Amino acid sequence: MPSFKPVAALTRGLDVLRIVNELRDASVAALHRETGLDKATIVRMLETLEHEGYVTRNPSNSGYVATGRTLQLSRGYDLHHRIGLLCEPILTEFRQAIGWPSDVALFDHDAMIVVQTSRETGPLFFNRRPGFRAPILETSIGRAYLAFCADSERERILARLRPRTDPANALASDPQRLEALLSDVRVRGFACMDDSYSDREYSGQLWAMAVPVRDEQGILATLNIMMLRSAVSPEAAQERFLDMLMTNANRLAHVLRHASWG
């Protein structure tokens, strides 16, 4: 237990910086919706962050974007990179076997962070590079994690997401619908990307299926396959790829569980 109360101003400032980073181009109004802070406080936080060099104004609109200086905050943390290197050989082999790219993602506070991908340059590269933060409730990697994590962890995650009003987190406030969806994931053994997310991010052209990377001790990560909707239907993907997807998830679980982290 901490020996002091958290510094509220610092907590608010970090929240603002985190949301600016997540939204990529954040207006004061968007930050107000996401954080619940009053706009005057948000402006003061932004001006302080701008003074310190962590955010800057977008010259084409009234939004704020994170600067390269924010990278200094993560220099001492390389766990995701190290995990990505461990996963790379398996992902490369898997892509060669099925012809479609995959991502390995870890849960990170309120999102899934892609730590390795087998995407190459081309139509399926898009923006899912290592480090990409994917929403939990709309993506296959997020839904697979939520379905198979411990009940207590799931409730903590949903408690963080419920106050948010953006469409990506709407399911957090609809427990019956969410539990029905997650129950279906558990029965089938895999999760699918939400159609609304596909429409918004990929013009409806892509979809994904994902499974948990887990062992008897619990869930470690999730593994997906991303496919063109016009080329592979969910039914065909389940028949052709699900067994291989689960096999490679088991391989990843073994590698991650037995890795030496120094």
Foldseek 3Di string as FASTA:
>chain_A
DDPDDDDVLVVLLVLLLVVLAQVQWAALVNSCQFPVDDSVSSVVSVVVCVVVQQWDADPVDRTIGGDPVVVVVCPVPCVLQVLQVLLVVLQLVLCVVPVFKKFKWFDDLAWTFTSYIPDDPDDPPAPNHGGDTHGQQFAFFNLQQLLFADPVVNVSNLVSLVSHDDPSSVVSVVVVVSVVQSVVCVVLQKGKGHQVCCCVRPVSQKMKIKHFLADPVGTGIMMMTMDTCVPAPPVRCSVPPVVVRVVSSPVSSVSVVPDDPD
